[in-house]
C-alpha atoms as a PDB file:
ATOM      1  CA  MET A   1       0.071   0.308  -0.006  1.00  0.00           C
ATOM      2  CA  GLY A   2       2.769   2.373   0.889  1.00  0.00           C
ATOM      3  CA  GLY A   3       4.414   1.687  -2.524  1.00  0.00           C
ATOM      4  CA  GLU A   4       1.392   2.269  -4.385  1.00  0.00           C
ATOM      5  CA  ARG A   5       1.213   5.731  -2.698  1.00  0.00           C
ATOM      6  CA  ALA A   6       5.245   6.400  -3.448  1.00  0.00           C
ATOM      7  CA  ASP A   7       4.705   5.786  -7.138  1.00  0.00           C
ATOM      8  CA  GLY A   8       1.863   7.817  -7.200  1.00  0.00           C
ATOM      9  CA  SER A   9       3.234  10.875  -5.773  1.00  0.00           C
ATOM     10  CA  ARG A  10       6.039  10.019  -8.032  1.00  0.00           C
ATOM     11  CA  ARG A  11       4.238   9.889 -11.072  1.00  0.00           C
ATOM     12  CA  LEU A  12       2.106  13.408  -9.792  1.00  0.00           C
ATOM     13  CA  ILE A  13       5.789  15.140  -9.650  1.00  0.00           C
ATOM     14  CA  ALA A  14       6.431  14.033 -13.054  1.00  0.00           C
ATOM     15  CA  LEU A  15       3.383  15.782 -14.433  1.00  0.00           C
ATOM     16  CA  MET A  16       3.808  18.767 -12.566  1.00  0.00           C
ATOM     17  CA  LEU A  17       7.411  19.323 -13.953  1.00  0.00           C
ATOM     18  CA  LEU A  18       5.959  18.140 -17.456  1.00  0.00           C
ATOM     19  CA  ALA A  19       3.491  20.741 -17.119  1.00  0.00           C
ATOM     20  CA  ALA A  20       6.022  23.413 -15.890  1.00  0.00           C
ATOM     21  CA  LEU A  21       8.240  22.664 -18.964  1.00  0.00           C
ATOM     22  CA  LEU A  22       5.300  23.139 -21.566  1.00  0.00           C
ATOM     23  CA  ALA A  23       4.147  26.014 -19.841  1.00  0.00           C
ATOM     24  CA  ALA A  24       7.864  27.710 -19.816  1.00  0.00           C
ATOM     25  CA  GLY A  25       7.992  26.829 -23.793  1.00  0.00           C
ATOM     26  CA  CYS A  26       4.675  28.195 -24.551  1.00  0.00           C
ATOM     27  CA  ALA A  27       5.085  31.854 -22.563  1.00  0.00           C
ATOM     28  CA  ASP A  28       5.785  34.893 -24.993  1.00  0.00           C
ATOM     29  CA  PRO A  29       8.795  36.079 -22.785  1.00  0.00           C
ATOM     30  CA  ALA A  30       9.096  39.891 -22.121  1.00  0.00           C
ATOM     31  CA  SER A  31      12.653  40.509 -23.619  1.00  0.00           C
ATOM     32  CA  PRO A  32      13.282  37.760 -26.469  1.00  0.00           C
ATOM     33  CA  GLN A  33      17.033  36.768 -26.780  1.00  0.00           C
ATOM     34  CA  ARG A  34      17.967  37.492 -30.406  1.00  0.00           C
ATOM     35  CA  ASP A  35      21.659  35.958 -31.321  1.00  0.00           C
ATOM     36  CA  ASN A  36      21.323  36.567 -35.246  1.00  0.00           C
ATOM     37  CA  TYR A  37      23.837  38.851 -36.286  1.00  0.00           C
ATOM     38  CA  LEU A  38      22.362  39.383 -39.537  1.00  0.00           C
ATOM     39  CA  ASP A  39      18.596  39.999 -38.257  1.00  0.00           C
ATOM     40  CA  PRO A  40      18.087  44.114 -37.666  1.00  0.00           C
ATOM     41  CA  ASP A  41      16.565  43.679 -34.758  1.00  0.00           C
ATOM     42  CA  GLY A  42      19.323  41.167 -33.025  1.00  0.00           C
ATOM     43  CA  ASN A  43      21.456  42.060 -30.176  1.00  0.00           C
ATOM     44  CA  TYR A  44      24.673  41.378 -32.066  1.00  0.00           C
ATOM     45  CA  TYR A  45      23.734  43.449 -35.564  1.00  0.00           C
ATOM     46  CA  GLN A  46      25.899  46.030 -36.885  1.00  0.00           C
ATOM     47  CA  ASN A  47      25.142  48.281 -39.860  1.00  0.00           C
ATOM     48  CA  PRO A  48      27.089  47.029 -42.861  1.00  0.00           C
ATOM     49  CA  GLY A  49      29.511  49.784 -43.696  1.00  0.00           C
ATOM     50  CA  ILE A  50      32.803  50.593 -45.882  1.00  0.00           C
ATOM     51  CA  GLU A  51      35.940  51.191 -44.782  1.00  0.00           C
ATOM     52  CA  PHE A  52      38.665  52.765 -47.352  1.00  0.00           C
ATOM     53  CA  LEU A  53      41.928  51.429 -47.648  1.00  0.00           C
ATOM     54  CA  ALA A  54      43.450  52.868 -50.645  1.00  0.00           C
ATOM     55  CA  GLY A  55      42.528  55.850 -53.221  1.00  0.00           C
ATOM     56  CA  PRO A  56      42.005  59.558 -52.931  1.00  0.00           C
ATOM     57  CA  PRO A  57      40.698  61.000 -49.860  1.00  0.00           C
ATOM     58  CA  GLU A  58      37.658  63.115 -49.964  1.00  0.00           C
ATOM     59  CA  GLY A  59      39.028  66.581 -51.571  1.00  0.00           C
ATOM     60  CA  ALA A  60      42.087  65.090 -52.949  1.00  0.00           C
ATOM     61  CA  THR A  61      43.670  66.522 -56.256  1.00  0.00           C
ATOM     62  CA  ILE A  62      45.770  63.865 -58.387  1.00  0.00           C
ATOM     63  CA  ALA A  63      48.202  64.191 -61.103  1.00  0.00           C
ATOM     64  CA  GLN A  64      47.422  61.316 -63.250  1.00  0.00           C
ATOM     65  CA  ASP A  65      44.623  60.146 -65.159  1.00  0.00           C
ATOM     66  CA  GLU A  66      43.698  56.727 -63.256  1.00  0.00           C
ATOM     67  CA  VAL A  67      42.674  55.761 -59.994  1.00  0.00           C
ATOM     68  CA  CYS A  68      42.147  52.680 -57.971  1.00  0.00           C
ATOM     69  CA  TYR A  69      39.755  52.264 -55.006  1.00  0.00           C
ATOM     70  CA  ARG A  70      40.055  49.787 -52.080  1.00  0.00           C
ATOM     71  CA  TRP A  71      37.807  49.093 -49.599  1.00  0.00           C
ATOM     72  CA  ARG A  72      36.518  46.311 -46.680  1.00  0.00           C
ATOM     73  CA  GLY A  73      33.359  45.817 -45.542  1.00  0.00           C
ATOM     74  CA  THR A  74      32.174  46.362 -42.024  1.00  0.00           C
ATOM     75  CA  GLY A  75      29.349  45.412 -39.978  1.00  0.00           C
ATOM     76  CA  TYR A  76      29.036  42.142 -41.827  1.00  0.00           C
ATOM     77  CA  ALA A  77      29.009  44.079 -45.441  1.00  0.00           C
ATOM     78  CA  SER A  78      29.698  40.860 -47.856  1.00  0.00           C
ATOM     79  CA  GLN A  79      28.415  42.621 -51.333  1.00  0.00           C
ATOM     80  CA  PHE A  80      29.150  45.860 -52.667  1.00  0.00           C
ATOM     81  CA  THR A  81      27.979  48.083 -55.958  1.00  0.00           C
ATOM     82  CA  HIS A  82      30.010  51.213 -57.019  1.00  0.00           C
ATOM     83  CA  ARG A  83      29.904  53.415 -59.846  1.00  0.00           C
ATOM     84  CA  LEU A  84      32.278  56.483 -60.809  1.00  0.00           C
ATOM     85  CA  ASP A  85      30.392  59.733 -61.552  1.00  0.00           C
ATOM     86  CA  ALA A  86      27.417  59.236 -63.736  1.00  0.00           C
ATOM     87  CA  ARG A  87      28.486  55.522 -64.809  1.00  0.00           C
ATOM     88  CA  SER A  88      26.501  52.756 -64.914  1.00  0.00           C
ATOM     89  CA  TRP A  89      26.612  50.880 -61.155  1.00  0.00           C
ATOM     90  CA  SER A  90      28.518  47.654 -61.084  1.00  0.00           C
ATOM     91  CA  GLU A  91      26.743  44.387 -60.552  1.00  0.00           C
ATOM     92  CA  TRP A  92      26.703  43.421 -56.757  1.00  0.00           C
ATOM     93  CA  SER A  93      29.756  41.246 -55.746  1.00  0.00           C
ATOM     94  CA  ASP A  94      32.237  40.680 -53.351  1.00  0.00           C
ATOM     95  CA  ALA A  95      34.622  42.579 -55.289  1.00  0.00           C
ATOM     96  CA  ASP A  96      36.792  44.907 -53.012  1.00  0.00           C
ATOM     97  CA  SER A  97      38.620  47.179 -55.398  1.00  0.00           C
ATOM     98  CA  ALA A  98      37.596  49.390 -58.720  1.00  0.00           C
ATOM     99  CA  ARG A  99      40.029  50.779 -61.075  1.00  0.00           C
ATOM    100  CA  PHE A 100      38.989  53.638 -63.741  1.00  0.00           C
ATOM    101  CA  GLY A 101      41.337  54.816 -66.324  1.00  0.00           C
ATOM    102  CA  TYR A 102      41.528  57.771 -68.933  1.00  0.00           C
ATOM    103  CA  LEU A 103      39.813  60.268 -66.705  1.00  0.00           C
ATOM    104  CA  ASP A 104      39.451  63.634 -67.836  1.00  0.00           C
ATOM    105  CA  ASP A 105      40.803  66.808 -66.008  1.00  0.00           C
ATOM    106  CA  GLY A 106      38.142  68.095 -63.546  1.00  0.00           C
ATOM    107  CA  GLY A 107      35.926  67.050 -60.862  1.00  0.00           C
ATOM    108  CA  HIS A 108      35.004  63.242 -60.341  1.00  0.00           C
ATOM    109  CA  GLN A 109      33.431  61.469 -57.522  1.00  0.00           C
ATOM    110  CA  PHE A 110      33.028  57.859 -56.583  1.00  0.00           C
ATOM    111  CA  LEU A 111      30.310  56.377 -54.907  1.00  0.00           C
ATOM    112  CA  ILE A 112      29.649  52.459 -53.218  1.00  0.00           C
ATOM    113  CA  TYR A 113      26.642  50.906 -51.451  1.00  0.00           C
ATOM    114  CA  ALA A 114      27.189  48.032 -49.112  1.00  0.00           C
ATOM    115  CA  ARG A 115      24.527  45.263 -48.050  1.00  0.00           C
ATOM    116  CA  THR A 116      24.866  41.741 -46.006  1.00  0.00           C
ATOM    117  CA  ASP A 117      24.156  38.497 -47.137  1.00  0.00           C
ATOM    118  CA  LEU A 118      20.186  38.674 -46.309  1.00  0.00           C
ATOM    119  CA  GLY A 119      20.461  41.918 -48.776  1.00  0.00           C
ATOM    120  CA  VAL A 120      20.474  44.659 -45.698  1.00  0.00           C
ATOM    121  CA  GLY A 121      22.378  47.357 -47.153  1.00  0.00           C
ATOM    122  CA  GLY A 122      23.690  50.894 -46.152  1.00  0.00           C
ATOM    123  CA  GLY A 123      25.479  53.812 -47.988  1.00  0.00           C
ATOM    124  CA  PRO A 124      26.256  54.985 -50.227  1.00  0.00           C
ATOM    125  CA  TRP A 125      29.504  56.164 -49.273  1.00  0.00           C
ATOM    126  CA  ARG A 126      31.500  59.005 -51.336  1.00  0.00           C
ATOM    127  CA  ARG A 127      34.880  60.079 -52.187  1.00  0.00           C
ATOM    128  CA  GLY A 128      35.273  63.380 -54.463  1.00  0.00           C
ATOM    129  CA  PHE A 129      38.469  64.110 -56.247  1.00  0.00           C
ATOM    130  CA  GLU A 130      39.889  66.390 -58.897  1.00  0.00           C
ATOM    131  CA  VAL A 131      42.017  64.909 -62.032  1.00  0.00           C
ATOM    132  CA  ASN A 132      45.049  67.424 -62.701  1.00  0.00           C
ATOM    133  CA  ALA A 133      46.516  65.222 -65.151  1.00  0.00           C
ATOM    134  CA  ALA A 134      47.261  67.237 -68.624  1.00  0.00           C
ATOM    135  CA  PRO A 135      50.187  69.931 -68.559  1.00  0.00           C
ATOM    136  CA  SER A 136      49.311  73.420 -68.639  1.00  0.00           C
ATOM    137  CA  PRO A 137      49.142  75.493 -70.892  1.00  0.00           C
ATOM    138  CA  GLY A 138      47.494  73.203 -73.210  1.00  0.00           C
ATOM    139  CA  LEU A 139      44.687  72.258 -75.202  1.00  0.00           C
ATOM    140  CA  ILE A 140      42.784  69.068 -74.612  1.00  0.00           C
ATOM    141  CA  THR A 141      39.773  67.014 -75.892  1.00  0.00           C
ATOM    142  CA  VAL A 142      37.091  66.199 -73.293  1.00  0.00           C
ATOM    143  CA  PRO A 143      35.937  63.430 -72.727  1.00  0.00           C
ATOM    144  CA  TRP A 144      39.480  62.185 -73.359  1.00  0.00           C
ATOM    145  CA  ARG A 145      38.373  58.361 -73.876  1.00  0.00           C
ATOM    146  CA  ILE A 146      35.191  57.972 -76.341  1.00  0.00           C
ATOM    147  CA  TRP A 147      32.825  54.556 -76.624  1.00  0.00           C
ATOM    148  CA  ALA A 148      30.571  54.634 -79.327  1.00  0.00           C
ATOM    149  CA  ASP A 149      28.578  52.394 -81.368  1.00  0.00           C
ATOM    150  CA  SER A 150      28.355  51.882 -84.947  1.00  0.00           C
ATOM    151  CA  GLY A 151      25.570  54.620 -86.036  1.00  0.00           C
ATOM    152  CA  SER A 152      25.283  56.127 -82.976  1.00  0.00           C
ATOM    153  CA  PHE A 153      26.742  60.299 -82.464  1.00  0.00           C
ATOM    154  CA  PHE A 154      29.512  61.802 -80.089  1.00  0.00           C
ATOM    155  CA  SER A 155      30.531  65.050 -79.235  1.00  0.00           C
ATOM    156  CA  ILE A 156      33.832  66.456 -78.229  1.00  0.00           C
ATOM    157  CA  THR A 157      34.809  69.446 -76.917  1.00  0.00           C
ATOM    158  CA  VAL A 158      38.448  71.308 -76.991  1.00  0.00           C
ATOM    159  CA  ILE A 159      39.535  73.242 -74.111  1.00  0.00           C
ATOM    160  CA  LYS A 160      42.110  75.632 -73.146  1.00  0.00           C
ATOM    161  CA  LYS A 161      43.574  74.951 -70.012  1.00  0.00           C
ATOM    162  CA  GLY A 162      45.727  77.308 -67.856  1.00  0.00           C
ATOM    163  CA  ALA A 163      46.220  79.674 -71.219  1.00  0.00           C
ATOM    164  CA  GLY A 164      44.430  82.809 -69.653  1.00  0.00           C
ATOM    165  CA  PRO A 165      42.441  84.981 -71.386  1.00  0.00           C
ATOM    166  CA  ILE A 166      42.990  85.216 -75.265  1.00  0.00           C
ATOM    167  CA  ARG A 167      42.541  86.987 -78.448  1.00  0.00           C
ATOM    168  CA  ALA A 168      42.526  84.023 -80.804  1.00  0.00           C
ATOM    169  CA  ALA A 169      42.836  80.492 -81.565  1.00  0.00           C
ATOM    170  CA  ARG A 170      43.427  78.169 -84.508  1.00  0.00           C
ATOM    171  CA  ILE A 171      42.611  74.719 -83.666  1.00  0.00           C
ATOM    172  CA  ALA A 172      43.055  72.126 -85.958  1.00  0.00           C
ATOM    173  CA  ILE A 173      42.123  68.474 -85.270  1.00  0.00           C
ATOM    174  CA  SER A 174      42.276  65.079 -87.373  1.00  0.00           C
ATOM    175  CA  TYR A 175      40.142  62.277 -86.891  1.00  0.00           C
ATOM    176  CA  PRO A 176      39.933  58.832 -88.437  1.00  0.00           C
ATOM    177  CA  ALA A 177      37.691  59.677 -91.612  1.00  0.00           C
ATOM    178  CA  ALA A 178      36.958  55.893 -92.261  1.00  0.00           C
ATOM    179  CA  PHE A 179      35.264  55.445 -89.113  1.00  0.00           C
ATOM    180  CA  VAL A 180      33.615  58.502 -88.017  1.00  0.00           C
ATOM    181  CA  LEU A 181      31.724  61.526 -90.172  1.00  0.00           C
ATOM    182  CA  ARG A 182      31.810  65.103 -89.454  1.00  0.00           C
ATOM    183  CA  GLN A 183      28.755  66.525 -88.415  1.00  0.00           C
ATOM    184  CA  ASP A 184      28.865  70.078 -86.768  1.00  0.00           C
ATOM    185  CA  VAL A 185      31.481  72.457 -85.558  1.00  0.00           C
ATOM    186  CA  TYR A 186      30.586  75.315 -83.355  1.00  0.00           C
ATOM    187  CA  ILE A 187      32.485  77.741 -81.193  1.00  0.00           C
ATOM    188  CA  GLY A 188      32.928  77.260 -77.302  1.00  0.00           C
ATOM    189  CA  SER A 189      31.954  79.273 -74.155  1.00  0.00           C
ATOM    190  CA  CYS A 190      35.973  80.968 -74.489  1.00  0.00           C
ATOM    191  CA  TRP A 191      34.289  83.581 -76.872  1.00  0.00           C
ATOM    192  CA  TYR A 192      31.244  84.547 -75.178  1.00  0.00           C
ATOM    193  CA  PRO A 193      29.621  87.031 -75.789  1.00  0.00           C
ATOM    194  CA  PRO A 194      30.246  86.241 -79.283  1.00  0.00           C
ATOM    195  CA  LEU A 195      31.911  89.405 -80.812  1.00  0.00           C
ATOM    196  CA  GLY A 196      34.611  87.408 -82.835  1.00  0.00           C
ATOM    197  CA  THR A 197      34.632  86.233 -86.570  1.00  0.00           C
ATOM    198  CA  VAL A 198      35.831  82.875 -88.120  1.00  0.00           C
ATOM    199  CA  HIS A 199      38.906  84.195 -89.939  1.00  0.00           C
ATOM    200  CA  SER A 200      39.171  80.915 -91.617  1.00  0.00           C
ATOM    201  CA  ALA A 201      37.531  77.400 -91.579  1.00  0.00           C
ATOM    202  CA  ASP A 202      38.824  74.261 -93.602  1.00  0.00           C
ATOM    203  CA  SER A 203      36.452  71.219 -93.410  1.00  0.00           C
ATOM    204  CA  SER A 204      36.594  69.832 -97.074  1.00  0.00           C
ATOM    205  CA  ARG A 205      38.970  67.503 -96.515  1.00  0.00           C
ATOM    206  CA  PRO A 206      37.885  64.432 -95.040  1.00  0.00           C
ATOM    207  CA  GLY A 207      39.932  63.716 -91.328  1.00  0.00           C
ATOM    208  CA  VAL A 208      40.701  67.217 -90.981  1.00  0.00           C
ATOM    209  CA  ILE A 209      39.040  70.345 -89.208  1.00  0.00           C
ATOM    210  CA  ASP A 210      40.786  73.439 -89.025  1.00  0.00           C
ATOM    211  CA  ILE A 211      39.439  76.664 -87.910  1.00  0.00           C
ATOM    212  CA  THR A 212      40.859  79.956 -87.219  1.00  0.00           C
ATOM    213  CA  TYR A 213      38.871  82.666 -84.856  1.00  0.00           C
ATOM    214  CA  TRP A 214      39.160  86.094 -83.972  1.00  0.00           C
ATOM    215  CA  LEU A 215      37.877  88.684 -81.433  1.00  0.00           C
ATOM    216  CA  THR A 216      36.348  91.627 -83.154  1.00  0.00           C
ATOM    217  CA  PRO A 217      37.413  94.323 -81.759  1.00  0.00           C
ATOM    218  CA  ALA A 218      40.636  93.043 -80.236  1.00  0.00           C
ATOM    219  CA  GLY A 219      40.650  92.181 -77.056  1.00  0.00           C
ATOM    220  CA  ALA A 220      40.464  89.024 -74.586  1.00  0.00           C
ATOM    221  CA  VAL A 221      37.823  86.619 -73.092  1.00  0.00           C
ATOM    222  CA  THR A 222      38.034  85.089 -70.002  1.00  0.00           C
ATOM    223  CA  ALA A 223      34.188  83.555 -70.078  1.00  0.00           C
ATOM    224  CA  GLY A 224      34.983  79.708 -70.119  1.00  0.00           C
ATOM    225  CA  ASP A 225      38.001  77.141 -71.634  1.00  0.00           C
ATOM    226  CA  ALA A 226      35.969  75.794 -73.916  1.00  0.00           C
ATOM    227  CA  VAL A 227      36.772  76.667 -77.346  1.00  0.00           C
ATOM    228  CA  ILE A 228      35.163  74.682 -80.121  1.00  0.00           C
ATOM    229  CA  HIS A 229      32.588  71.757 -79.848  1.00  0.00           C
ATOM    230  CA  ALA A 230      32.602  69.206 -82.596  1.00  0.00           C
ATOM    231  CA  ARG A 231      30.039  66.559 -83.475  1.00  0.00           C
ATOM    232  CA  PHE A 232      30.652  63.381 -85.222  1.00  0.00           C
ATOM    233  CA  ARG A 233      28.708  59.854 -86.291  1.00  0.00           C
ATOM    234  CA  ALA A 234      30.658  56.993 -85.930  1.00  0.00           C
ATOM    235  CA  VAL A 235      29.876  54.504 -89.055  1.00  0.00           C
ATOM    236  CA  ARG A 236      32.228  51.459 -88.741  1.00  0.00           C
ATOM    237  CA  ALA A 237      33.515  49.291 -85.645  1.00  0.00           C
ATOM    238  CA  VAL A 238      37.092  50.119 -84.772  1.00  0.00           C
ATOM    239  CA  ALA A 239      39.019  48.781 -81.543  1.00  0.00           C
ATOM    240  CA  VAL A 240      41.173  51.898 -81.061  1.00  0.00           C
ATOM    241  CA  ASP A 241      42.077  54.983 -82.766  1.00  0.00           C
ATOM    242  CA  SER A 242      42.553  58.632 -82.182  1.00  0.00           C
ATOM    243  CA  LEU A 243      40.937  62.325 -82.349  1.00  0.00           C
ATOM    244  CA  GLY A 244      44.399  64.238 -82.442  1.00  0.00           C
ATOM    245  CA  ILE A 245      45.039  68.054 -81.980  1.00  0.00           C
ATOM    246  CA  GLY A 246      47.606  68.931 -84.449  1.00  0.00           C
ATOM    247  CA  PRO A 247      50.485  70.969 -84.174  1.00  0.00           C
ATOM    248  CA  ALA A 248      49.316  74.024 -86.161  1.00  0.00           C
ATOM    249  CA  SER A 249      46.761  74.309 -83.331  1.00  0.00           C
ATOM    250  CA  CYS A 250      47.945  77.808 -80.939  1.00  0.00           C
ATOM    251  CA  LEU A 251      46.260  80.204 -78.593  1.00  0.00           C
ATOM    252  CA  ILE A 252      47.008  84.148 -79.351  1.00  0.00           C
ATOM    253  CA  THR A 253      46.614  86.493 -76.606  1.00  0.00           C
ATOM    254  CA  ALA A 254      45.124  89.853 -76.668  1.00  0.00           C
ATOM    255  CA  SER A 255      49.216  91.138 -77.306  1.00  0.00           C
ATOM    256  CA  GLY A 256      49.446  89.077 -80.110  1.00  0.00           C
ATOM    257  CA  ASP A 257      51.637  86.790 -78.636  1.00  0.00           C
ATOM    258  CA  THR A 258      51.220  82.954 -79.171  1.00  0.00           C
ATOM    259  CA  VAL A 259      50.779  80.855 -76.065  1.00  0.00           C
ATOM    260  CA  ALA A 260      53.646  78.310 -75.766  1.00  0.00           C
ATOM    261  CA  LEU A 261      51.533  75.287 -75.014  1.00  0.00           C
ATOM    262  CA  SER A 262      52.812  72.391 -73.041  1.00  0.00           C
ATOM    263  CA  ALA A 263      50.293  69.817 -74.191  1.00  0.00           C
ATOM    264  CA  ARG A 264      48.007  69.022 -77.109  1.00  0.00           C
ATOM    265  CA  ARG A 265      46.073  65.931 -76.001  1.00  0.00           C
ATOM    266  CA  GLY A 266      43.379  64.772 -78.504  1.00  0.00           C
ATOM    267  CA  GLY A 267      40.869  61.888 -77.484  1.00  0.00           C
ATOM    268  CA  ILE A 268      41.007  57.954 -78.013  1.00  0.00           C
ATOM    269  CA  ILE A 269      37.862  56.526 -79.447  1.00  0.00           C
ATOM    270  CA  SER A 270      36.674  52.801 -79.415  1.00  0.00           C
ATOM    271  CA  ILE A 271      33.397  51.954 -81.732  1.00  0.00           C
ATOM    272  CA  SER A 272      31.694  48.816 -81.548  1.00  0.00           C
ATOM    273  CA  GLN A 273      29.355  47.292 -84.250  1.00  0.00           C
END
C-alpha cells in the first residue's frame, strides 16, 4: 500500500514538472534573446559599412588620369556595388577594389553601397576628387576616352587649359574619316559674348577640321575654357583610334603673342559594331 502511494506521488511530481516545462515553452518572453548577427533586430547586429583602404581621399587632387579604390566591408557587409560619376552601377559582388582610367581633368566622384548576405544595405559612401593630369597651358579634348556604337553620334569639346585670356585661336583636329563622319562644328564658351568672327575654316578635307577664330574688335575673353565643340557620327567599328589636336593649333593673347602650349592631348575612340 505504501509503495503504491509512493509511485503515485512520483507520477504526480513528474506530471507537474512536465506541465511546468510545457508552460515555459509556450510563454512569450518579455525580452526575447536574439543572437542572429544578420537580423537588424538582433542583439549583435551591426550596420553594414565601408572602410576605404586605398584611393584618393575626399577633396584630393591627383596628377594622374587613373585611380584605384580599395575597401573592406564592416558590420558583416559582404557585397558591394559602385560607380564613378554618372557611369552605370556595377553588379553586386564581393569585389573589394575598382580601377578607372582615361579620366578627364576636373572633378570626379566615386560612390559605393554595401549590403549583408540577407540584402540589408547601407550607403552610399562617397569620395570626391580632382584630376589635374594634362600639363598647362595646353589644349585637350573632353571626353578624353570615347566609347560609341556604330551609327551613334558623339561630341567632343576642345578645352584651353591654363592659357588665360585669349584673342584668337587656331584649332586643327584630325579624326579617322574611315570610321567617323563630321557633323557639326561650333564655337565654345571661350568666345562668349560672341564678338568674334571665323577668320578661316577648312572642313573640305575628310579627316581634318581646321578653324581660326578672332575677336573683333581686338581684346581678350575669359568667359570660359571651351574653344570649340565638334559632333561626329560613328559609322564603322574600330578597336582603338584617335582624335588628334595637330601641331598647327595655337592660342594668341590680346597683345598678339602666341601661347607656348605644353600639351596637345586629343581623344581616344573605340567603336563597337
